[in-house]
PDB file of N, CA and C in Angstrom:
ATOM      1  N   MET A   1     -17.411  -2.253 -19.852  1.00  0.00           N
ATOM      2  CA  MET A   1     -18.104  -1.324 -20.689  1.00  0.00           C
ATOM      3  C   MET A   1     -19.226  -1.993 -21.455  1.00  0.00           C
ATOM      4  N   THR A   2     -20.248  -1.235 -21.746  1.00  0.00           N
ATOM      5  CA  THR A   2     -21.326  -1.834 -22.506  1.00  0.00           C
ATOM      6  C   THR A   2     -21.426  -1.036 -23.866  1.00  0.00           C
ATOM      7  N   ASN A   3     -21.932  -1.718 -24.830  1.00  0.00           N
ATOM      8  CA  ASN A   3     -22.163  -1.024 -26.083  1.00  0.00           C
ATOM      9  C   ASN A   3     -23.332  -0.088 -25.918  1.00  0.00           C
ATOM     10  N   LYS A   4     -23.179   1.147 -26.331  1.00  0.00           N
ATOM     11  CA  LYS A   4     -24.190   2.213 -26.182  1.00  0.00           C
ATOM     12  C   LYS A   4     -25.448   1.869 -27.002  1.00  0.00           C
ATOM     13  N   ILE A   5     -25.314   1.215 -28.124  1.00  0.00           N
ATOM     14  CA  ILE A   5     -26.446   0.954 -29.013  1.00  0.00           C
ATOM     15  C   ILE A   5     -27.244  -0.299 -28.551  1.00  0.00           C
ATOM     16  N   THR A   6     -26.513  -1.389 -28.356  1.00  0.00           N
ATOM     17  CA  THR A   6     -27.178  -2.643 -28.021  1.00  0.00           C
ATOM     18  C   THR A   6     -27.327  -2.869 -26.497  1.00  0.00           C
ATOM     19  N   GLY A   7     -26.535  -2.208 -25.718  1.00  0.00           N
ATOM     20  CA  GLY A   7     -26.569  -2.432 -24.270  1.00  0.00           C
ATOM     21  C   GLY A   7     -25.889  -3.676 -23.791  1.00  0.00           C
ATOM     22  N   LYS A   8     -25.172  -4.386 -24.735  1.00  0.00           N
ATOM     23  CA  LYS A   8     -24.471  -5.604 -24.386  1.00  0.00           C
ATOM     24  C   LYS A   8     -23.045  -5.249 -24.008  1.00  0.00           C
ATOM     25  N   LYS A   9     -22.380  -6.201 -23.339  1.00  0.00           N
ATOM     26  CA  LYS A   9     -21.004  -6.042 -22.960  1.00  0.00           C
ATOM     27  C   LYS A   9     -20.085  -6.179 -24.236  1.00  0.00           C
ATOM     28  N   ASP A  10     -19.007  -5.359 -24.289  1.00  0.00           N
ATOM     29  CA  ASP A  10     -18.112  -5.398 -25.422  1.00  0.00           C
ATOM     30  C   ASP A  10     -17.041  -6.488 -25.093  1.00  0.00           C
ATOM     31  N   ILE A  11     -17.454  -7.720 -25.193  1.00  0.00           N
ATOM     32  CA  ILE A  11     -16.544  -8.870 -24.973  1.00  0.00           C
ATOM     33  C   ILE A  11     -16.669  -9.781 -26.088  1.00  0.00           C
ATOM     34  N   LYS A  12     -15.527 -10.101 -26.685  1.00  0.00           N
ATOM     35  CA  LYS A  12     -15.495 -10.980 -27.820  1.00  0.00           C
ATOM     36  C   LYS A  12     -14.557 -12.085 -27.590  1.00  0.00           C
ATOM     37  N   GLY A  13     -14.588 -13.174 -28.329  1.00  0.00           N
ATOM     38  CA  GLY A  13     -13.651 -14.280 -28.160  1.00  0.00           C
ATOM     39  C   GLY A  13     -13.502 -15.085 -29.367  1.00  0.00           C
ATOM     40  N   TYR A  14     -12.486 -15.925 -29.391  1.00  0.00           N
ATOM     41  CA  TYR A  14     -12.249 -16.881 -30.476  1.00  0.00           C
ATOM     42  C   TYR A  14     -11.425 -18.029 -29.932  1.00  0.00           C
ATOM     43  N   VAL A  15     -11.440 -19.143 -30.690  1.00  0.00           N
ATOM     44  CA  VAL A  15     -10.642 -20.271 -30.344  1.00  0.00           C
ATOM     45  C   VAL A  15      -9.473 -20.392 -31.327  1.00  0.00           C
ATOM     46  N   LYS A  16      -8.390 -20.798 -30.879  1.00  0.00           N
ATOM     47  CA  LYS A  16      -7.220 -20.979 -31.733  1.00  0.00           C
ATOM     48  C   LYS A  16      -6.484 -22.224 -31.360  1.00  0.00           C
ATOM     49  N   GLU A  17      -5.738 -22.741 -32.315  1.00  0.00           N
ATOM     50  CA  GLU A  17      -4.969 -24.004 -32.116  1.00  0.00           C
ATOM     51  C   GLU A  17      -3.519 -23.683 -31.660  1.00  0.00           C
ATOM     52  N   VAL A  18      -3.094 -24.282 -30.582  1.00  0.00           N
ATOM     53  CA  VAL A  18      -1.706 -24.093 -30.104  1.00  0.00           C
ATOM     54  C   VAL A  18      -1.182 -25.472 -29.780  1.00  0.00           C
ATOM     55  N   ASN A  19      -0.230 -25.967 -30.533  1.00  0.00           N
ATOM     56  CA  ASN A  19       0.427 -27.304 -30.263  1.00  0.00           C
ATOM     57  C   ASN A  19      -0.629 -28.431 -30.250  1.00  0.00           C
ATOM     58  N   GLY A  20      -1.560 -28.365 -31.130  1.00  0.00           N
ATOM     59  CA  GLY A  20      -2.563 -29.457 -31.171  1.00  0.00           C
ATOM     60  C   GLY A  20      -3.692 -29.411 -30.135  1.00  0.00           C
ATOM     61  N   ILE A  21      -3.755 -28.304 -29.415  1.00  0.00           N
ATOM     62  CA  ILE A  21      -4.814 -28.150 -28.385  1.00  0.00           C
ATOM     63  C   ILE A  21      -5.593 -26.846 -28.667  1.00  0.00           C
ATOM     64  N   TRP A  22      -6.889 -26.858 -28.442  1.00  0.00           N
ATOM     65  CA  TRP A  22      -7.708 -25.671 -28.641  1.00  0.00           C
ATOM     66  C   TRP A  22      -7.512 -24.753 -27.422  1.00  0.00           C
ATOM     67  N   HIS A  23      -7.330 -23.454 -27.662  1.00  0.00           N
ATOM     68  CA  HIS A  23      -7.221 -22.450 -26.667  1.00  0.00           C
ATOM     69  C   HIS A  23      -8.309 -21.400 -26.878  1.00  0.00           C
ATOM     70  N   ILE A  24      -8.799 -20.848 -25.761  1.00  0.00           N
ATOM     71  CA  ILE A  24      -9.862 -19.851 -25.803  1.00  0.00           C
ATOM     72  C   ILE A  24      -9.166 -18.481 -25.562  1.00  0.00           C
ATOM     73  N   VAL A  25      -9.468 -17.450 -26.364  1.00  0.00           N
ATOM     74  CA  VAL A  25      -8.960 -16.110 -26.191  1.00  0.00           C
ATOM     75  C   VAL A  25     -10.146 -15.191 -26.052  1.00  0.00           C
ATOM     76  N   ILE A  26     -10.184 -14.403 -24.972  1.00  0.00           N
ATOM     77  CA  ILE A  26     -11.286 -13.448 -24.737  1.00  0.00           C
ATOM     78  C   ILE A  26     -10.659 -12.054 -24.847  1.00  0.00           C
ATOM     79  N   THR A  27     -11.310 -11.200 -25.583  1.00  0.00           N
ATOM     80  CA  THR A  27     -10.826  -9.796 -25.682  1.00  0.00           C
ATOM     81  C   THR A  27     -11.932  -8.878 -25.101  1.00  0.00           C
ATOM     82  N   TYR A  28     -11.478  -7.863 -24.376  1.00  0.00           N
ATOM     83  CA  TYR A  28     -12.384  -6.900 -23.757  1.00  0.00           C
ATOM     84  C   TYR A  28     -11.731  -5.602 -23.554  1.00  0.00           C
ATOM     85  N   TYR A  29     -12.429  -4.574 -23.246  1.00  0.00           N
ATOM     86  CA  TYR A  29     -11.916  -3.243 -23.023  1.00  0.00           C
ATOM     87  C   TYR A  29     -12.097  -2.938 -21.526  1.00  0.00           C
ATOM     88  N   ASP A  30     -10.960  -2.400 -20.900  1.00  0.00           N
ATOM     89  CA  ASP A  30     -11.105  -2.020 -19.499  1.00  0.00           C
ATOM     90  C   ASP A  30     -11.713  -0.645 -19.389  1.00  0.00           C
ATOM     91  N   LYS A  31     -11.726  -0.092 -18.135  1.00  0.00           N
ATOM     92  CA  LYS A  31     -12.399   1.166 -17.902  1.00  0.00           C
ATOM     93  C   LYS A  31     -11.665   2.331 -18.562  1.00  0.00           C
ATOM     94  N   GLN A  32     -10.366   2.206 -18.863  1.00  0.00           N
ATOM     95  CA  GLN A  32      -9.641   3.287 -19.573  1.00  0.00           C
ATOM     96  C   GLN A  32      -9.777   3.164 -21.052  1.00  0.00           C
ATOM     97  N   GLY A  33     -10.506   2.173 -21.524  1.00  0.00           N
ATOM     98  CA  GLY A  33     -10.636   1.952 -22.983  1.00  0.00           C
ATOM     99  C   GLY A  33      -9.523   1.182 -23.670  1.00  0.00           C
ATOM    100  N   LYS A  34      -8.637   0.596 -22.885  1.00  0.00           N
ATOM    101  CA  LYS A  34      -7.523  -0.207 -23.413  1.00  0.00           C
ATOM    102  C   LYS A  34      -8.022  -1.635 -23.648  1.00  0.00           C
ATOM    103  N   ARG A  35      -7.650  -2.199 -24.810  1.00  0.00           N
ATOM    104  CA  ARG A  35      -8.010  -3.564 -25.078  1.00  0.00           C
ATOM    105  C   ARG A  35      -7.117  -4.513 -24.329  1.00  0.00           C
ATOM    106  N   LYS A  36      -7.792  -5.497 -23.707  1.00  0.00           N
ATOM    107  CA  LYS A  36      -7.089  -6.521 -22.935  1.00  0.00           C
ATOM    108  C   LYS A  36      -7.433  -7.917 -23.451  1.00  0.00           C
ATOM    109  N   PHE A  37      -6.560  -8.824 -23.217  1.00  0.00           N
ATOM    110  CA  PHE A  37      -6.711 -10.225 -23.605  1.00  0.00           C
ATOM    111  C   PHE A  37      -6.635 -11.163 -22.440  1.00  0.00           C
ATOM    112  N   ALA A  38      -7.398 -12.211 -22.412  1.00  0.00           N
ATOM    113  CA  ALA A  38      -7.288 -13.251 -21.429  1.00  0.00           C
ATOM    114  C   ALA A  38      -7.413 -14.560 -22.211  1.00  0.00           C
ATOM    115  N   SER A  39      -6.577 -15.517 -21.860  1.00  0.00           N
ATOM    116  CA  SER A  39      -6.644 -16.818 -22.624  1.00  0.00           C
ATOM    117  C   SER A  39      -6.482 -17.977 -21.672  1.00  0.00           C
ATOM    118  N   MET A  40      -6.902 -19.103 -22.138  1.00  0.00           N
ATOM    119  CA  MET A  40      -6.715 -20.346 -21.395  1.00  0.00           C
ATOM    120  C   MET A  40      -6.771 -21.552 -22.283  1.00  0.00           C
ATOM    121  N   SER A  41      -6.213 -22.630 -21.878  1.00  0.00           N
ATOM    122  CA  SER A  41      -6.251 -23.898 -22.654  1.00  0.00           C
ATOM    123  C   SER A  41      -7.562 -24.664 -22.312  1.00  0.00           C
ATOM    124  N   THR A  42      -8.200 -25.241 -23.318  1.00  0.00           N
ATOM    125  CA  THR A  42      -9.344 -26.082 -23.064  1.00  0.00           C
ATOM    126  C   THR A  42      -8.940 -27.480 -22.810  1.00  0.00           C
ATOM    127  N   LYS A  43      -7.732 -27.830 -23.115  1.00  0.00           N
ATOM    128  CA  LYS A  43      -7.166 -29.223 -22.965  1.00  0.00           C
ATOM    129  C   LYS A  43      -7.933 -30.221 -23.868  1.00  0.00           C
ATOM    130  N   LEU A  44      -8.554 -29.645 -24.886  1.00  0.00           N
ATOM    131  CA  LEU A  44      -9.259 -30.478 -25.918  1.00  0.00           C
ATOM    132  C   LEU A  44      -8.328 -30.584 -27.147  1.00  0.00           C
ATOM    133  N   LYS A  45      -8.135 -31.778 -27.662  1.00  0.00           N
ATOM    134  CA  LYS A  45      -7.336 -32.004 -28.831  1.00  0.00           C
ATOM    135  C   LYS A  45      -8.113 -31.432 -30.050  1.00  0.00           C
ATOM    136  N   ILE A  46      -7.343 -31.037 -31.089  1.00  0.00           N
ATOM    137  CA  ILE A  46      -7.903 -30.417 -32.251  1.00  0.00           C
ATOM    138  C   ILE A  46      -8.999 -31.262 -32.960  1.00  0.00           C
ATOM    139  N   ARG A  47      -8.675 -32.500 -33.151  1.00  0.00           N
ATOM    140  CA  ARG A  47      -9.538 -33.363 -33.969  1.00  0.00           C
ATOM    141  C   ARG A  47     -10.885 -33.572 -33.314  1.00  0.00           C
ATOM    142  N   GLY A  48     -11.934 -33.026 -33.907  1.00  0.00           N
ATOM    143  CA  GLY A  48     -13.340 -33.260 -33.534  1.00  0.00           C
ATOM    144  C   GLY A  48     -13.797 -32.477 -32.319  1.00  0.00           C
ATOM    145  N   ASN A  49     -13.117 -31.444 -31.923  1.00  0.00           N
ATOM    146  CA  ASN A  49     -13.553 -30.775 -30.707  1.00  0.00           C
ATOM    147  C   ASN A  49     -13.737 -29.251 -30.863  1.00  0.00           C
ATOM    148  N   LYS A  50     -13.756 -28.780 -32.105  1.00  0.00           N
ATOM    149  CA  LYS A  50     -13.915 -27.339 -32.312  1.00  0.00           C
ATOM    150  C   LYS A  50     -15.240 -26.813 -31.770  1.00  0.00           C
ATOM    151  N   LYS A  51     -16.360 -27.573 -31.937  1.00  0.00           N
ATOM    152  CA  LYS A  51     -17.625 -27.161 -31.507  1.00  0.00           C
ATOM    153  C   LYS A  51     -17.648 -27.167 -29.914  1.00  0.00           C
ATOM    154  N   ASN A  52     -16.994 -28.125 -29.287  1.00  0.00           N
ATOM    155  CA  ASN A  52     -16.911 -28.165 -27.852  1.00  0.00           C
ATOM    156  C   ASN A  52     -16.151 -26.921 -27.359  1.00  0.00           C
ATOM    157  N   ALA A  53     -15.024 -26.643 -27.961  1.00  0.00           N
ATOM    158  CA  ALA A  53     -14.211 -25.478 -27.561  1.00  0.00           C
ATOM    159  C   ALA A  53     -15.023 -24.178 -27.765  1.00  0.00           C
ATOM    160  N   THR A  54     -15.764 -24.088 -28.872  1.00  0.00           N
ATOM    161  CA  THR A  54     -16.568 -22.874 -29.138  1.00  0.00           C
ATOM    162  C   THR A  54     -17.645 -22.714 -28.107  1.00  0.00           C
ATOM    163  N   ARG A  55     -18.263 -23.781 -27.693  1.00  0.00           N
ATOM    164  CA  ARG A  55     -19.375 -23.769 -26.669  1.00  0.00           C
ATOM    165  C   ARG A  55     -18.757 -23.254 -25.342  1.00  0.00           C
ATOM    166  N   MET A  56     -17.580 -23.753 -25.013  1.00  0.00           N
ATOM    167  CA  MET A  56     -16.955 -23.322 -23.744  1.00  0.00           C
ATOM    168  C   MET A  56     -16.670 -21.834 -23.804  1.00  0.00           C
ATOM    169  N   MET A  57     -16.222 -21.371 -24.983  1.00  0.00           N
ATOM    170  CA  MET A  57     -15.909 -19.926 -25.150  1.00  0.00           C
ATOM    171  C   MET A  57     -17.168 -19.083 -24.962  1.00  0.00           C
ATOM    172  N   GLN A  58     -18.271 -19.546 -25.587  1.00  0.00           N
ATOM    173  CA  GLN A  58     -19.484 -18.770 -25.496  1.00  0.00           C
ATOM    174  C   GLN A  58     -20.057 -18.747 -24.017  1.00  0.00           C
ATOM    175  N   GLU A  59     -19.869 -19.834 -23.354  1.00  0.00           N
ATOM    176  CA  GLU A  59     -20.276 -19.906 -21.929  1.00  0.00           C
ATOM    177  C   GLU A  59     -19.453 -18.918 -21.046  1.00  0.00           C
ATOM    178  N   ILE A  60     -18.118 -18.850 -21.355  1.00  0.00           N
ATOM    179  CA  ILE A  60     -17.271 -17.893 -20.632  1.00  0.00           C
ATOM    180  C   ILE A  60     -17.655 -16.463 -20.906  1.00  0.00           C
ATOM    181  N   ILE A  61     -17.975 -16.156 -22.218  1.00  0.00           N
ATOM    182  CA  ILE A  61     -18.347 -14.796 -22.592  1.00  0.00           C
ATOM    183  C   ILE A  61     -19.573 -14.374 -21.895  1.00  0.00           C
ATOM    184  N   GLU A  62     -20.609 -15.275 -21.739  1.00  0.00           N
ATOM    185  CA  GLU A  62     -21.897 -14.918 -21.062  1.00  0.00           C
ATOM    186  C   GLU A  62     -21.668 -14.652 -19.613  1.00  0.00           C
ATOM    187  N   LEU A  63     -20.716 -15.334 -18.930  1.00  0.00           N
ATOM    188  CA  LEU A  63     -20.507 -15.180 -17.496  1.00  0.00           C
ATOM    189  C   LEU A  63     -19.441 -14.133 -17.149  1.00  0.00           C
ATOM    190  N   PHE A  64     -18.617 -13.756 -18.136  1.00  0.00           N
ATOM    191  CA  PHE A  64     -17.467 -12.924 -17.913  1.00  0.00           C
ATOM    192  C   PHE A  64     -17.856 -11.527 -17.393  1.00  0.00           C
ATOM    193  N   GLU A  65     -17.145 -11.145 -16.336  1.00  0.00           N
ATOM    194  CA  GLU A  65     -17.249  -9.758 -15.885  1.00  0.00           C
ATOM    195  C   GLU A  65     -15.949  -9.056 -15.946  1.00  0.00           C
ATOM    196  N   ILE A  66     -15.993  -7.866 -16.497  1.00  0.00           N
ATOM    197  CA  ILE A  66     -14.790  -7.041 -16.716  1.00  0.00           C
ATOM    198  C   ILE A  66     -14.240  -6.627 -15.337  1.00  0.00           C
ATOM    199  N   PRO A  67     -13.001  -6.911 -15.000  1.00  0.00           N
ATOM    200  CA  PRO A  67     -12.468  -6.551 -13.711  1.00  0.00           C
ATOM    201  C   PRO A  67     -12.438  -5.032 -13.474  1.00  0.00           C
ATOM    202  N   LYS A  68     -12.694  -4.656 -12.225  1.00  0.00           N
ATOM    203  CA  LYS A  68     -12.757  -3.234 -11.917  1.00  0.00           C
ATOM    204  C   LYS A  68     -11.344  -2.643 -11.782  1.00  0.00           C
ATOM    205  N   LYS A  69     -10.397  -3.451 -11.279  1.00  0.00           N
ATOM    206  CA  LYS A  69      -9.008  -3.005 -11.097  1.00  0.00           C
ATOM    207  C   LYS A  69      -8.127  -3.718 -12.176  1.00  0.00           C
ATOM    208  N   ALA A  70      -6.932  -3.183 -12.275  1.00  0.00           N
ATOM    209  CA  ALA A  70      -5.972  -3.774 -13.235  1.00  0.00           C
ATOM    210  C   ALA A  70      -5.392  -5.013 -12.605  1.00  0.00           C
ATOM    211  N   GLN A  71      -6.105  -6.142 -12.848  1.00  0.00           N
ATOM    212  CA  GLN A  71      -5.676  -7.416 -12.243  1.00  0.00           C
ATOM    213  C   GLN A  71      -5.690  -8.462 -13.351  1.00  0.00           C
ATOM    214  N   LYS A  72      -4.903  -9.532 -13.105  1.00  0.00           N
ATOM    215  CA  LYS A  72      -4.879 -10.622 -14.030  1.00  0.00           C
ATOM    216  C   LYS A  72      -6.186 -11.430 -14.004  1.00  0.00           C
ATOM    217  N   VAL A  73      -6.743 -11.774 -15.145  1.00  0.00           N
ATOM    218  CA  VAL A  73      -7.988 -12.487 -15.196  1.00  0.00           C
ATOM    219  C   VAL A  73      -7.754 -13.973 -15.294  1.00  0.00           C
ATOM    220  N   ASP A  74      -8.447 -14.758 -14.480  1.00  0.00           N
ATOM    221  CA  ASP A  74      -8.358 -16.209 -14.509  1.00  0.00           C
ATOM    222  C   ASP A  74      -9.655 -16.739 -15.139  1.00  0.00           C
ATOM    223  N   LEU A  75      -9.610 -17.199 -16.363  1.00  0.00           N
ATOM    224  CA  LEU A  75     -10.811 -17.682 -17.013  1.00  0.00           C
ATOM    225  C   LEU A  75     -11.393 -18.994 -16.473  1.00  0.00           C
ATOM    226  N   LYS A  76     -10.485 -19.713 -15.800  1.00  0.00           N
ATOM    227  CA  LYS A  76     -10.947 -21.063 -15.228  1.00  0.00           C
ATOM    228  C   LYS A  76     -12.132 -20.874 -14.215  1.00  0.00           C
ATOM    229  N   VAL A  77     -12.211 -19.724 -13.617  1.00  0.00           N
ATOM    230  CA  VAL A  77     -13.282 -19.480 -12.642  1.00  0.00           C
ATOM    231  C   VAL A  77     -14.605 -19.493 -13.347  1.00  0.00           C
ATOM    232  N   TYR A  78     -14.688 -19.164 -14.609  1.00  0.00           N
ATOM    233  CA  TYR A  78     -15.979 -19.081 -15.314  1.00  0.00           C
ATOM    234  C   TYR A  78     -16.505 -20.391 -15.878  1.00  0.00           C
ATOM    235  N   LEU A  79     -15.699 -21.480 -15.705  1.00  0.00           N
ATOM    236  CA  LEU A  79     -16.165 -22.724 -16.212  1.00  0.00           C
ATOM    237  C   LEU A  79     -16.876 -23.606 -15.174  1.00  0.00           C
TER     238      LEU A  79
END
């Protein structure tokens, strides 16, 4: 889905810490309007890598395509 005002995709993301490793979480809305989540590990340790993890997240958001069918999303394809 795209935002009617800006014309951009409604995809957002954030990085979070899980057991000392940065993880990327992408949120998007499917065709039925339901919010979906996809996440993956960056395998980057917390100390000194938040900018790197954020850059990876932004790159994934730029390339991410919302799946047409109800299927599991593999974010590793976008790196």
